[in-house]
Amino acid sequence: MKLTLPLGLTALLYCLSAPSLAFVLTPANQAPDFAEPWNPPWPSANIALEPTASVSGDAIGLGVESTDTPIPIGGRIVFTLTGGATFADTAYSLESWEAGAGNGNLTYATLLTGSTSGASSIEFLMAEQTNPERDTMFGSPPWPALADVPIFLLSGSSIAGQSINVNLPQIPGRDISLQAEVFDASDASLGTASMVMFSSTLEAPAPAVALPTSSHLGQLILLALFSWLGARAIRQRHP
C-alpha cells in the first residue's frame, strides 16, 4: 500500500537570515509572504506498516527567506531522510519557483548522487542556470539569477512536478523526518532544517525484558545456595 500526501500543497524550507532553516507549508499557488502563521500548517501523513509512501509533485520545496543569505553558486543542498527511510526514485531534480508556481527550469541544480534509489541522502550542486535568456518572442524577462530564486521545488524524477517516493522501515512507532542542509562552496554549513513527513499511528514496542541466560541462572542458584548455607551455619552456632 502506498500513501500519498494531498495535492496542491507545498512544504517550504525557508533559509532564515540566521544560520537555520524552517519547514513550512503553503498552497502551491500562493506566493510566500514570509510572515507567520503559515497557512496551512504542514500535514504530516500517517503511516502504519506500509513498505512505501509518497508525497505529491511540488509538495516539498526549499525557499530562501533572506536575500542576505542566498543559496550560493557552487553551494550544495543535501536532503536526508531519517528513521531508517530511504529515497525510492531513480532520479531527482530541483525546479525553480517563480510568481506563484514552478517555472519548469531545472538547470540551476545538478544531482550529484549517483544512485538515489535506496539512498538516505540526495545531494545537489547549485549554479546559475544554463540559458540566461528566455524566448523573448512573448516578452519574457531573462531567467532570474540563482541568488534571486525564492524557492526550489523537489521532484522525484528528472522531470519537474513528479511525486517523491519513500521506502519505509516498517517499524511500529517510527516517525520519518526529512532534513535539509545548505552548504556554501567551501563546504561550510549555512543552515539545517527538519520536518516530520510521516507519523506512525502504531505504538512503539515495549522494551524487551532481559531474561537470565543459563550462566546467569547458574550464578543465581549458587548465590542462593551460599546464602542458605551461611544462614544455616549461623543458626547452628547460635541455637
Protein backbone atom coordinates (compact mmCIF):
# COMPACT_ATOMS: atom_id res chain seq x y z
CA MET A 1 0.00 0.00 0.00
CA LYS A 2 1.38 3.40 -0.99
CA LEU A 3 0.48 6.53 0.96
CA THR A 4 0.31 9.89 -0.80
CA LEU A 5 0.04 13.36 0.73
CA PRO A 6 -2.65 15.73 -0.60
CA LEU A 7 -2.09 17.51 -3.92
CA GLY A 8 -1.79 21.27 -4.23
CA LEU A 9 0.29 21.89 -1.13
CA THR A 10 3.92 22.91 -0.87
CA ALA A 11 6.08 22.36 2.21
CA LEU A 12 8.74 25.03 2.12
CA LEU A 13 12.14 25.11 3.78
CA TYR A 14 12.87 28.76 4.42
CA CYS A 15 16.51 29.78 4.84
CA LEU A 16 16.42 32.36 7.62
CA SER A 17 18.88 35.22 7.98
CA ALA A 18 20.28 33.40 11.00
CA PRO A 19 22.03 30.14 10.04
CA SER A 20 18.97 27.90 10.21
CA LEU A 21 16.15 26.64 8.01
CA ALA A 22 12.49 26.06 8.86
CA PHE A 23 10.00 23.82 7.04
CA VAL A 24 6.64 25.44 6.46
CA LEU A 25 3.63 24.73 4.30
CA THR A 26 1.80 27.00 1.89
CA PRO A 27 -0.55 26.34 -1.04
CA ALA A 28 1.42 25.76 -4.22
CA ASN A 29 -0.26 28.69 -6.00
CA GLN A 30 0.28 31.14 -3.15
CA ALA A 31 3.35 33.36 -3.10
CA PRO A 32 5.05 33.14 0.31
CA ASP A 33 4.93 36.35 2.29
CA PHE A 34 7.46 35.09 4.85
CA ALA A 35 5.14 36.01 7.69
CA GLU A 36 3.70 33.70 10.32
CA PRO A 37 1.37 31.98 10.90
CA TRP A 38 1.99 29.77 7.88
CA ASN A 39 -1.29 28.76 6.28
CA PRO A 40 -2.00 25.91 6.43
CA PRO A 41 0.49 24.06 8.67
CA TRP A 42 2.38 21.03 7.31
CA PRO A 43 0.08 17.97 7.36
CA SER A 44 2.40 15.05 8.13
CA ALA A 45 0.78 11.87 6.80
CA ASN A 46 0.05 8.83 8.94
CA ILE A 47 1.75 5.51 8.33
CA ALA A 48 1.46 2.07 9.87
CA LEU A 49 3.50 -0.75 8.32
CA GLU A 50 3.37 0.22 4.64
CA PRO A 51 6.53 -0.60 2.70
CA THR A 52 6.40 2.72 0.80
CA ALA A 53 4.79 6.15 0.97
CA SER A 54 4.92 9.22 -1.23
CA VAL A 55 4.30 12.95 -1.37
CA SER A 56 2.76 14.55 -4.42
CA GLY A 57 4.64 16.53 -7.01
CA ASP A 58 5.54 20.09 -5.97
CA ALA A 59 4.88 19.16 -2.33
CA ILE A 60 8.35 19.88 -0.93
CA GLY A 61 10.41 22.94 -1.66
CA LEU A 62 13.42 24.83 -0.34
CA GLY A 63 12.79 28.55 -0.06
CA VAL A 64 15.16 31.38 0.75
CA GLU A 65 13.66 33.97 3.06
CA SER A 66 16.50 36.46 3.21
CA THR A 67 18.45 37.78 0.22
CA ASP A 68 21.26 38.40 2.71
CA THR A 69 21.91 34.62 2.69
CA PRO A 70 21.13 33.35 -0.82
CA ILE A 71 21.95 29.86 -1.99
CA PRO A 72 25.43 30.42 -3.47
CA ILE A 73 26.94 29.36 -6.77
CA GLY A 74 28.96 26.21 -6.11
CA GLY A 75 26.97 25.51 -2.97
CA ARG A 76 25.20 22.26 -2.21
CA ILE A 77 21.76 21.26 -0.94
CA VAL A 78 21.52 17.91 0.86
CA PHE A 79 18.16 16.28 1.63
CA THR A 80 18.25 13.44 4.20
CA LEU A 81 15.56 11.02 5.37
CA THR A 82 15.73 9.83 8.98
CA GLY A 83 14.23 6.92 10.87
CA GLY A 84 15.61 4.27 8.55
CA ALA A 85 13.73 5.50 5.45
CA THR A 86 15.37 5.85 2.04
CA PHE A 87 14.56 7.57 -1.23
CA ALA A 88 12.89 5.22 -3.71
CA ASP A 89 13.13 7.10 -7.01
CA THR A 90 15.96 6.68 -9.51
CA ALA A 91 16.27 10.41 -10.29
CA TYR A 92 15.54 13.74 -8.62
CA SER A 93 15.59 17.37 -9.70
CA LEU A 94 15.06 20.86 -8.33
CA GLU A 95 12.73 23.20 -10.22
CA SER A 96 12.89 26.95 -9.71
CA TRP A 97 9.71 28.65 -8.49
CA GLU A 98 8.53 32.00 -9.78
CA ALA A 99 5.39 34.12 -9.49
CA GLY A 100 3.35 31.51 -7.67
CA ALA A 101 4.42 28.28 -9.39
CA GLY A 102 7.28 26.22 -10.70
CA ASN A 103 8.56 27.65 -13.97
CA GLY A 104 9.95 24.43 -15.45
CA ASN A 105 13.61 25.43 -15.17
CA LEU A 106 15.69 22.52 -13.84
CA THR A 107 19.13 23.83 -14.78
CA TYR A 108 20.08 25.61 -11.54
CA ALA A 109 20.72 22.34 -9.71
CA THR A 110 22.70 19.26 -10.75
CA LEU A 111 22.06 15.99 -8.93
CA LEU A 112 25.37 14.69 -7.54
CA THR A 113 24.10 11.44 -6.02
CA GLY A 114 24.92 8.66 -8.47
CA SER A 115 22.49 6.04 -7.14
CA THR A 116 19.47 7.58 -5.47
CA SER A 117 17.17 4.58 -5.08
CA GLY A 118 17.85 3.19 -1.61
CA ALA A 119 19.93 6.19 -0.54
CA SER A 120 19.13 8.01 2.71
CA SER A 121 20.51 11.31 1.34
CA ILE A 122 20.49 13.06 -2.03
CA GLU A 123 22.73 15.99 -2.93
CA PHE A 124 22.54 18.82 -5.45
CA LEU A 125 25.21 21.20 -6.75
CA MET A 126 23.93 24.73 -7.37
CA ALA A 127 24.91 27.03 -10.27
CA GLU A 128 23.49 29.71 -12.48
CA GLN A 129 21.03 28.23 -14.96
CA THR A 130 22.48 27.34 -18.33
CA ASN A 131 20.41 29.60 -20.60
CA PRO A 132 20.04 33.11 -19.14
CA GLU A 133 17.83 34.37 -21.97
CA ARG A 134 14.29 33.07 -22.32
CA ASP A 135 12.28 33.07 -25.52
CA THR A 136 11.73 36.80 -25.94
CA MET A 137 9.00 36.29 -28.52
CA PHE A 138 6.36 36.69 -25.81
CA GLY A 139 8.24 39.37 -23.91
CA SER A 140 9.50 37.07 -21.18
CA PRO A 141 12.19 38.57 -18.95
CA PRO A 142 15.54 36.79 -18.53
CA TRP A 143 15.69 33.94 -16.05
CA PRO A 144 16.46 35.20 -12.55
CA ALA A 145 19.94 34.82 -11.10
CA LEU A 146 20.42 31.92 -8.68
CA ALA A 147 20.54 34.34 -5.75
CA ASP A 148 17.10 35.68 -6.74
CA VAL A 149 15.24 32.35 -6.91
CA PRO A 150 12.98 32.27 -3.83
CA ILE A 151 12.02 28.57 -3.87
CA PHE A 152 13.27 25.31 -5.35
CA LEU A 153 10.72 22.50 -5.70
CA LEU A 154 11.91 18.91 -5.24
CA SER A 155 10.75 16.39 -7.85
CA GLY A 156 11.16 12.60 -7.74
CA SER A 157 12.26 12.50 -11.36
CA SER A 158 14.41 14.28 -13.93
CA ILE A 159 11.06 15.84 -14.95
CA ALA A 160 9.54 18.62 -12.84
CA GLY A 161 6.48 18.11 -10.66
CA GLN A 162 6.74 14.37 -10.05
CA SER A 163 5.86 12.61 -6.79
CA ILE A 164 8.58 11.71 -4.29
CA ASN A 165 8.51 8.07 -3.21
CA VAL A 166 10.00 6.84 0.06
CA ASN A 167 10.94 3.36 1.26
CA LEU A 168 9.75 2.90 4.85
CA PRO A 169 11.48 0.77 7.53
CA GLN A 170 8.13 -0.76 8.66
CA ILE A 171 8.94 -0.31 12.34
CA PRO A 172 5.94 0.33 14.67
CA GLY A 173 6.08 3.76 16.28
CA ARG A 174 8.83 5.05 13.97
CA ASP A 175 8.22 8.55 12.53
CA ILE A 176 10.01 9.59 9.34
CA SER A 177 11.53 13.06 9.04
CA LEU A 178 13.10 14.95 6.17
CA GLN A 179 16.11 17.13 6.88
CA ALA A 180 17.79 19.66 4.62
CA GLU A 181 21.17 21.31 4.88
CA VAL A 182 22.67 24.05 2.70
CA PHE A 183 26.43 24.37 2.24
CA ASP A 184 28.48 27.09 0.58
CA ALA A 185 31.22 26.38 -1.97
CA SER A 186 33.77 25.81 0.81
CA ASP A 187 31.52 23.18 2.48
CA ALA A 188 30.59 25.46 5.39
CA SER A 189 27.05 24.83 6.55
CA LEU A 190 24.64 27.73 6.03
CA GLY A 191 21.76 26.11 7.90
CA THR A 192 19.72 23.00 8.56
CA ALA A 193 16.05 22.17 8.97
CA SER A 194 13.82 19.22 9.76
CA MET A 195 10.20 18.30 9.30
CA VAL A 196 8.13 15.19 10.08
CA MET A 197 6.91 13.77 6.77
CA PHE A 198 5.19 10.63 8.05
CA SER A 199 3.86 9.99 11.58
CA SER A 200 3.39 6.42 12.79
CA THR A 201 -0.06 5.52 14.09
CA LEU A 202 1.32 2.48 15.90
CA GLU A 203 2.84 2.36 19.35
CA ALA A 204 6.48 1.50 19.64
CA PRO A 205 7.02 -1.99 21.07
CA ALA A 206 7.81 -2.20 24.77
CA PRO A 207 11.49 -2.71 25.56
CA ALA A 208 12.37 -6.38 25.72
CA VAL A 209 12.86 -7.76 29.22
CA ALA A 210 16.27 -9.34 29.55
CA LEU A 211 15.86 -12.92 30.71
CA PRO A 212 18.71 -14.55 32.60
CA THR A 213 20.95 -16.73 30.49
CA SER A 214 21.99 -20.20 31.59
CA SER A 215 25.26 -18.84 33.00
CA HIS A 216 23.44 -16.08 34.89
CA LEU A 217 20.88 -18.59 36.16
CA GLY A 218 23.68 -20.81 37.48
CA GLN A 219 25.22 -17.87 39.28
CA LEU A 220 21.89 -17.03 40.89
CA ILE A 221 21.46 -20.65 42.08
CA LEU A 222 24.97 -20.67 43.59
CA LEU A 223 24.36 -17.33 45.29
CA ALA A 224 21.10 -18.62 46.80
CA LEU A 225 22.83 -21.83 47.94
CA PHE A 226 25.70 -19.97 49.61
CA SER A 227 23.22 -17.63 51.31
CA TRP A 228 21.25 -20.63 52.66
CA LEU A 229 24.42 -22.38 53.86
CA GLY A 230 25.63 -19.21 55.55
CA ALA A 231 22.31 -18.75 57.34
CA ARG A 232 22.32 -22.41 58.41
CA ALA A 233 25.83 -22.13 59.84
CA ILE A 234 24.82 -19.07 61.87
CA ARG A 235 21.81 -20.88 63.29
CA GLN A 236 23.97 -23.87 64.28
CA ARG A 237 26.42 -21.64 66.16
CA HIS A 238 23.62 -19.78 67.86
CA PRO A 239 20.90 -22.35 68.58
